[in-house]
Each structure stands twice: as C-alpha cells, then as structure tokens.
Amino acid sequence: MTGGRIEIDHDTVERDLMKLVLTVIELLRQLMERQALRRADEGDLSPEQEERVGLTLMLLGERMEELCSRYGLTLDDLNLDLGPLGSLLPEHR
C-alpha cells in the first residue's frame, strides 16, 4: 500500500478468483457424483441414465483438471481448510 492506495496484482486476483470458483464447482461435482452413485446403488437409474451420468461426470472431471492446469492449480489446491471442521472436500482420488 503506497499513498493510501492498495496495489493489486491482477494475475493473483484472477487466479484466486478462479480458485474460489473452481472450489465451488468441484464441491458440486463431488456432491452430484455421490448422489448419482447412491441412485445407481438403489436402482433408481436405468442403464442408459447410468451411462449418461457417468460420462457427464467423467467429462466434467476432465474439464476441471484442464481449468486447474490453466491457472496453475491442482485439484488438491481447491480443498479449503475449515479449521476444526477439517477440510471442505474429501481427499482427491
């Protein structure tokens, strides 16, 4: 901070914002994956639905890895430490 102004590194701000956005997306992706597995285990999905959901989740996982790579992040970087509550996401596969 110089002369009452805050100096901001635009690259850092963009990377940190992407980290936050990707963290939320990864949390939702993992929740959807668990929901799909639960529904498949209970027989709520037809074989075609299971195939479609599996493919969609696989493609989303690949896209997440691509976006993380673009911003110099790993999927493990997206796991926020919530202090006494532990980490936000389960350990990455």
N, C-alpha and C. Protein backbone atom coordinates (compact mmCIF):
# COMPACT_ATOMS: atom_id res chain seq x y z
N MET A 1 0.84 -1.16 0.00
CA MET A 1 0.00 0.00 0.00
C MET A 1 0.89 1.24 0.00
N THR A 2 0.72 2.09 -0.96
CA THR A 2 1.50 3.31 -1.04
C THR A 2 0.58 4.49 -1.21
N GLY A 3 0.77 5.53 -0.38
CA GLY A 3 -0.01 6.74 -0.52
C GLY A 3 -1.52 6.52 -0.41
N GLY A 4 -1.96 5.57 0.43
CA GLY A 4 -3.39 5.34 0.60
C GLY A 4 -4.01 4.46 -0.46
N ARG A 5 -3.22 3.96 -1.38
CA ARG A 5 -3.74 3.08 -2.43
C ARG A 5 -3.31 1.65 -2.19
N ILE A 6 -4.15 0.76 -2.56
CA ILE A 6 -3.82 -0.66 -2.46
C ILE A 6 -3.34 -1.12 -3.82
N GLU A 7 -2.17 -1.71 -3.83
CA GLU A 7 -1.64 -2.23 -5.09
C GLU A 7 -2.12 -3.67 -5.23
N ILE A 8 -2.73 -3.95 -6.37
CA ILE A 8 -3.29 -5.27 -6.62
C ILE A 8 -2.59 -5.91 -7.80
N ASP A 9 -2.16 -7.14 -7.60
CA ASP A 9 -1.57 -7.92 -8.69
C ASP A 9 -2.72 -8.61 -9.41
N HIS A 10 -3.04 -8.14 -10.62
CA HIS A 10 -4.19 -8.65 -11.35
C HIS A 10 -4.10 -10.15 -11.62
N ASP A 11 -2.88 -10.66 -11.85
CA ASP A 11 -2.73 -12.10 -12.09
C ASP A 11 -3.11 -12.89 -10.84
N THR A 12 -2.71 -12.40 -9.67
CA THR A 12 -3.03 -13.09 -8.42
C THR A 12 -4.53 -13.02 -8.15
N VAL A 13 -5.13 -11.87 -8.39
CA VAL A 13 -6.57 -11.73 -8.16
C VAL A 13 -7.34 -12.69 -9.06
N GLU A 14 -6.96 -12.77 -10.33
CA GLU A 14 -7.65 -13.67 -11.25
C GLU A 14 -7.48 -15.12 -10.83
N ARG A 15 -6.26 -15.50 -10.45
CA ARG A 15 -6.00 -16.88 -10.03
C ARG A 15 -6.79 -17.22 -8.76
N ASP A 16 -6.79 -16.31 -7.79
CA ASP A 16 -7.52 -16.55 -6.55
C ASP A 16 -9.02 -16.64 -6.78
N LEU A 17 -9.54 -15.79 -7.67
CA LEU A 17 -10.96 -15.85 -8.01
C LEU A 17 -11.29 -17.18 -8.69
N MET A 18 -10.44 -17.61 -9.61
CA MET A 18 -10.67 -18.89 -10.28
C MET A 18 -10.57 -20.04 -9.28
N LYS A 19 -9.67 -19.92 -8.32
CA LYS A 19 -9.55 -20.97 -7.30
C LYS A 19 -10.85 -21.08 -6.51
N LEU A 20 -11.44 -19.95 -6.16
CA LEU A 20 -12.70 -19.97 -5.42
C LEU A 20 -13.83 -20.55 -6.28
N VAL A 21 -13.93 -20.11 -7.51
CA VAL A 21 -14.98 -20.61 -8.42
C VAL A 21 -14.81 -22.10 -8.65
N LEU A 22 -13.59 -22.53 -8.92
CA LEU A 22 -13.35 -23.96 -9.17
C LEU A 22 -13.59 -24.80 -7.91
N THR A 23 -13.33 -24.23 -6.74
CA THR A 23 -13.61 -24.95 -5.50
C THR A 23 -15.10 -25.22 -5.36
N VAL A 24 -15.91 -24.22 -5.63
CA VAL A 24 -17.37 -24.39 -5.56
C VAL A 24 -17.83 -25.41 -6.59
N ILE A 25 -17.30 -25.33 -7.80
CA ILE A 25 -17.69 -26.28 -8.85
C ILE A 25 -17.27 -27.70 -8.47
N GLU A 26 -16.07 -27.85 -7.92
CA GLU A 26 -15.61 -29.18 -7.52
C GLU A 26 -16.46 -29.74 -6.39
N LEU A 27 -16.85 -28.90 -5.45
CA LEU A 27 -17.73 -29.35 -4.37
C LEU A 27 -19.06 -29.85 -4.95
N LEU A 28 -19.65 -29.09 -5.86
CA LEU A 28 -20.90 -29.50 -6.50
C LEU A 28 -20.72 -30.77 -7.32
N ARG A 29 -19.60 -30.88 -8.03
CA ARG A 29 -19.34 -32.08 -8.84
C ARG A 29 -19.28 -33.32 -7.95
N GLN A 30 -18.59 -33.20 -6.82
CA GLN A 30 -18.48 -34.34 -5.91
C GLN A 30 -19.83 -34.70 -5.30
N LEU A 31 -20.62 -33.69 -4.97
CA LEU A 31 -21.96 -33.96 -4.43
C LEU A 31 -22.83 -34.66 -5.47
N MET A 32 -22.76 -34.20 -6.72
CA MET A 32 -23.54 -34.84 -7.80
C MET A 32 -23.07 -36.28 -8.02
N GLU A 33 -21.77 -36.50 -7.93
CA GLU A 33 -21.23 -37.85 -8.11
C GLU A 33 -21.75 -38.78 -7.02
N ARG A 34 -21.73 -38.31 -5.77
CA ARG A 34 -22.23 -39.14 -4.67
C ARG A 34 -23.72 -39.43 -4.81
N GLN A 35 -24.47 -38.42 -5.24
CA GLN A 35 -25.91 -38.59 -5.45
C GLN A 35 -26.16 -39.62 -6.56
N ALA A 36 -25.40 -39.53 -7.64
CA ALA A 36 -25.57 -40.46 -8.75
C ALA A 36 -25.22 -41.89 -8.31
N LEU A 37 -24.16 -42.04 -7.53
CA LEU A 37 -23.79 -43.37 -7.04
C LEU A 37 -24.88 -43.94 -6.12
N ARG A 38 -25.42 -43.08 -5.26
CA ARG A 38 -26.49 -43.53 -4.36
C ARG A 38 -27.71 -43.98 -5.17
N ARG A 39 -28.09 -43.18 -6.18
CA ARG A 39 -29.25 -43.52 -7.00
C ARG A 39 -29.00 -44.80 -7.80
N ALA A 40 -27.78 -44.97 -8.30
CA ALA A 40 -27.45 -46.19 -9.04
C ALA A 40 -27.51 -47.40 -8.12
N ASP A 41 -26.96 -47.27 -6.91
CA ASP A 41 -26.99 -48.37 -5.94
C ASP A 41 -28.42 -48.75 -5.56
N GLU A 42 -29.32 -47.76 -5.52
CA GLU A 42 -30.71 -48.02 -5.17
C GLU A 42 -31.54 -48.48 -6.37
N GLY A 43 -30.95 -48.50 -7.55
CA GLY A 43 -31.66 -48.93 -8.74
C GLY A 43 -32.60 -47.88 -9.32
N ASP A 44 -32.37 -46.62 -8.97
CA ASP A 44 -33.23 -45.53 -9.45
C ASP A 44 -32.91 -45.08 -10.87
N LEU A 45 -31.80 -45.56 -11.42
CA LEU A 45 -31.39 -45.13 -12.76
C LEU A 45 -31.43 -46.30 -13.73
N SER A 46 -31.88 -46.01 -14.93
CA SER A 46 -31.82 -47.03 -15.97
C SER A 46 -30.37 -47.17 -16.42
N PRO A 47 -30.03 -48.26 -17.09
CA PRO A 47 -28.65 -48.40 -17.59
C PRO A 47 -28.23 -47.23 -18.48
N GLU A 48 -29.15 -46.72 -19.29
CA GLU A 48 -28.83 -45.58 -20.16
C GLU A 48 -28.54 -44.33 -19.33
N GLN A 49 -29.34 -44.12 -18.28
CA GLN A 49 -29.13 -42.97 -17.41
C GLN A 49 -27.79 -43.09 -16.68
N GLU A 50 -27.49 -44.29 -16.20
CA GLU A 50 -26.20 -44.51 -15.53
C GLU A 50 -25.05 -44.19 -16.47
N GLU A 51 -25.15 -44.64 -17.71
CA GLU A 51 -24.10 -44.39 -18.70
C GLU A 51 -23.96 -42.89 -18.95
N ARG A 52 -25.08 -42.20 -19.13
CA ARG A 52 -25.06 -40.77 -19.42
C ARG A 52 -24.50 -39.97 -18.24
N VAL A 53 -24.93 -40.31 -17.03
CA VAL A 53 -24.44 -39.62 -15.83
C VAL A 53 -22.94 -39.89 -15.66
N GLY A 54 -22.54 -41.12 -15.84
CA GLY A 54 -21.12 -41.47 -15.70
C GLY A 54 -20.25 -40.70 -16.70
N LEU A 55 -20.69 -40.65 -17.94
CA LEU A 55 -19.94 -39.93 -18.97
C LEU A 55 -19.88 -38.44 -18.66
N THR A 56 -21.00 -37.88 -18.24
CA THR A 56 -21.05 -36.45 -17.91
C THR A 56 -20.11 -36.12 -16.76
N LEU A 57 -20.12 -36.93 -15.71
CA LEU A 57 -19.24 -36.69 -14.57
C LEU A 57 -17.78 -36.86 -14.95
N MET A 58 -17.49 -37.82 -15.81
CA MET A 58 -16.12 -38.03 -16.27
C MET A 58 -15.64 -36.82 -17.07
N LEU A 59 -16.47 -36.32 -17.97
CA LEU A 59 -16.10 -35.16 -18.77
C LEU A 59 -15.94 -33.91 -17.90
N LEU A 60 -16.81 -33.75 -16.91
CA LEU A 60 -16.69 -32.62 -16.00
C LEU A 60 -15.39 -32.70 -15.20
N GLY A 61 -15.04 -33.89 -14.77
CA GLY A 61 -13.77 -34.08 -14.05
C GLY A 61 -12.57 -33.72 -14.91
N GLU A 62 -12.61 -34.14 -16.18
CA GLU A 62 -11.51 -33.80 -17.10
C GLU A 62 -11.43 -32.30 -17.33
N ARG A 63 -12.58 -31.66 -17.48
CA ARG A 63 -12.61 -30.21 -17.71
C ARG A 63 -12.08 -29.47 -16.49
N MET A 64 -12.42 -29.95 -15.29
CA MET A 64 -11.91 -29.35 -14.07
C MET A 64 -10.39 -29.42 -14.03
N GLU A 65 -9.84 -30.56 -14.40
CA GLU A 65 -8.39 -30.71 -14.42
C GLU A 65 -7.76 -29.75 -15.42
N GLU A 66 -8.39 -29.57 -16.58
CA GLU A 66 -7.89 -28.64 -17.59
C GLU A 66 -7.89 -27.20 -17.06
N LEU A 67 -8.99 -26.81 -16.44
CA LEU A 67 -9.08 -25.45 -15.91
C LEU A 67 -8.08 -25.22 -14.78
N CYS A 68 -7.92 -26.21 -13.92
CA CYS A 68 -6.93 -26.10 -12.85
C CYS A 68 -5.54 -25.92 -13.45
N SER A 69 -5.22 -26.72 -14.43
CA SER A 69 -3.92 -26.63 -15.09
C SER A 69 -3.70 -25.25 -15.70
N ARG A 70 -4.73 -24.70 -16.34
CA ARG A 70 -4.62 -23.39 -16.97
C ARG A 70 -4.25 -22.31 -15.95
N TYR A 71 -4.73 -22.44 -14.71
CA TYR A 71 -4.47 -21.44 -13.69
C TYR A 71 -3.40 -21.87 -12.69
N GLY A 72 -2.66 -22.92 -13.03
CA GLY A 72 -1.56 -23.36 -12.18
C GLY A 72 -2.02 -23.93 -10.86
N LEU A 73 -3.18 -24.59 -10.86
CA LEU A 73 -3.74 -25.19 -9.65
C LEU A 73 -3.81 -26.69 -9.80
N THR A 74 -3.90 -27.37 -8.69
CA THR A 74 -4.21 -28.79 -8.70
C THR A 74 -5.57 -28.96 -8.02
N LEU A 75 -6.18 -30.10 -8.20
CA LEU A 75 -7.45 -30.34 -7.51
C LEU A 75 -7.27 -30.29 -6.00
N ASP A 76 -6.09 -30.66 -5.52
CA ASP A 76 -5.82 -30.58 -4.08
C ASP A 76 -5.77 -29.13 -3.59
N ASP A 77 -5.37 -28.20 -4.46
CA ASP A 77 -5.34 -26.78 -4.10
C ASP A 77 -6.74 -26.24 -3.81
N LEU A 78 -7.76 -26.90 -4.33
CA LEU A 78 -9.13 -26.44 -4.17
C LEU A 78 -9.73 -26.81 -2.81
N ASN A 79 -9.04 -27.65 -2.09
CA ASN A 79 -9.55 -28.13 -0.80
C ASN A 79 -9.25 -27.12 0.29
N LEU A 80 -10.26 -26.43 0.75
CA LEU A 80 -10.10 -25.40 1.77
C LEU A 80 -10.03 -26.03 3.16
N ASP A 81 -9.13 -25.51 4.00
CA ASP A 81 -9.03 -25.96 5.38
C ASP A 81 -10.05 -25.19 6.20
N LEU A 82 -10.99 -25.90 6.80
CA LEU A 82 -12.04 -25.27 7.59
C LEU A 82 -11.74 -25.31 9.09
N GLY A 83 -10.47 -25.40 9.41
CA GLY A 83 -10.05 -25.41 10.82
C GLY A 83 -10.53 -26.65 11.54
N PRO A 84 -11.21 -26.48 12.67
CA PRO A 84 -11.63 -27.64 13.46
C PRO A 84 -12.62 -28.55 12.73
N LEU A 85 -13.26 -28.04 11.69
CA LEU A 85 -14.20 -28.86 10.93
C LEU A 85 -13.50 -29.79 9.93
N GLY A 86 -12.22 -29.54 9.72
CA GLY A 86 -11.48 -30.34 8.74
C GLY A 86 -11.46 -29.66 7.39
N SER A 87 -11.24 -30.44 6.36
CA SER A 87 -11.17 -29.87 5.01
C SER A 87 -12.54 -29.90 4.35
N LEU A 88 -12.73 -28.99 3.39
CA LEU A 88 -14.02 -28.87 2.70
C LEU A 88 -14.32 -30.11 1.86
N LEU A 89 -13.32 -30.58 1.13
CA LEU A 89 -13.51 -31.72 0.22
C LEU A 89 -12.80 -32.95 0.77
N PRO A 90 -13.33 -34.12 0.44
CA PRO A 90 -12.59 -35.34 0.80
C PRO A 90 -11.28 -35.36 0.01
N GLU A 91 -10.32 -36.10 0.49
CA GLU A 91 -9.05 -36.18 -0.23
C GLU A 91 -9.30 -36.59 -1.66
N HIS A 92 -8.53 -35.94 -2.58
CA HIS A 92 -8.71 -36.22 -4.01
C HIS A 92 -8.33 -37.65 -4.31
N ARG A 93 -9.13 -38.28 -5.14
CA ARG A 93 -8.98 -39.67 -5.57
C ARG A 93 -7.57 -40.05 -5.69
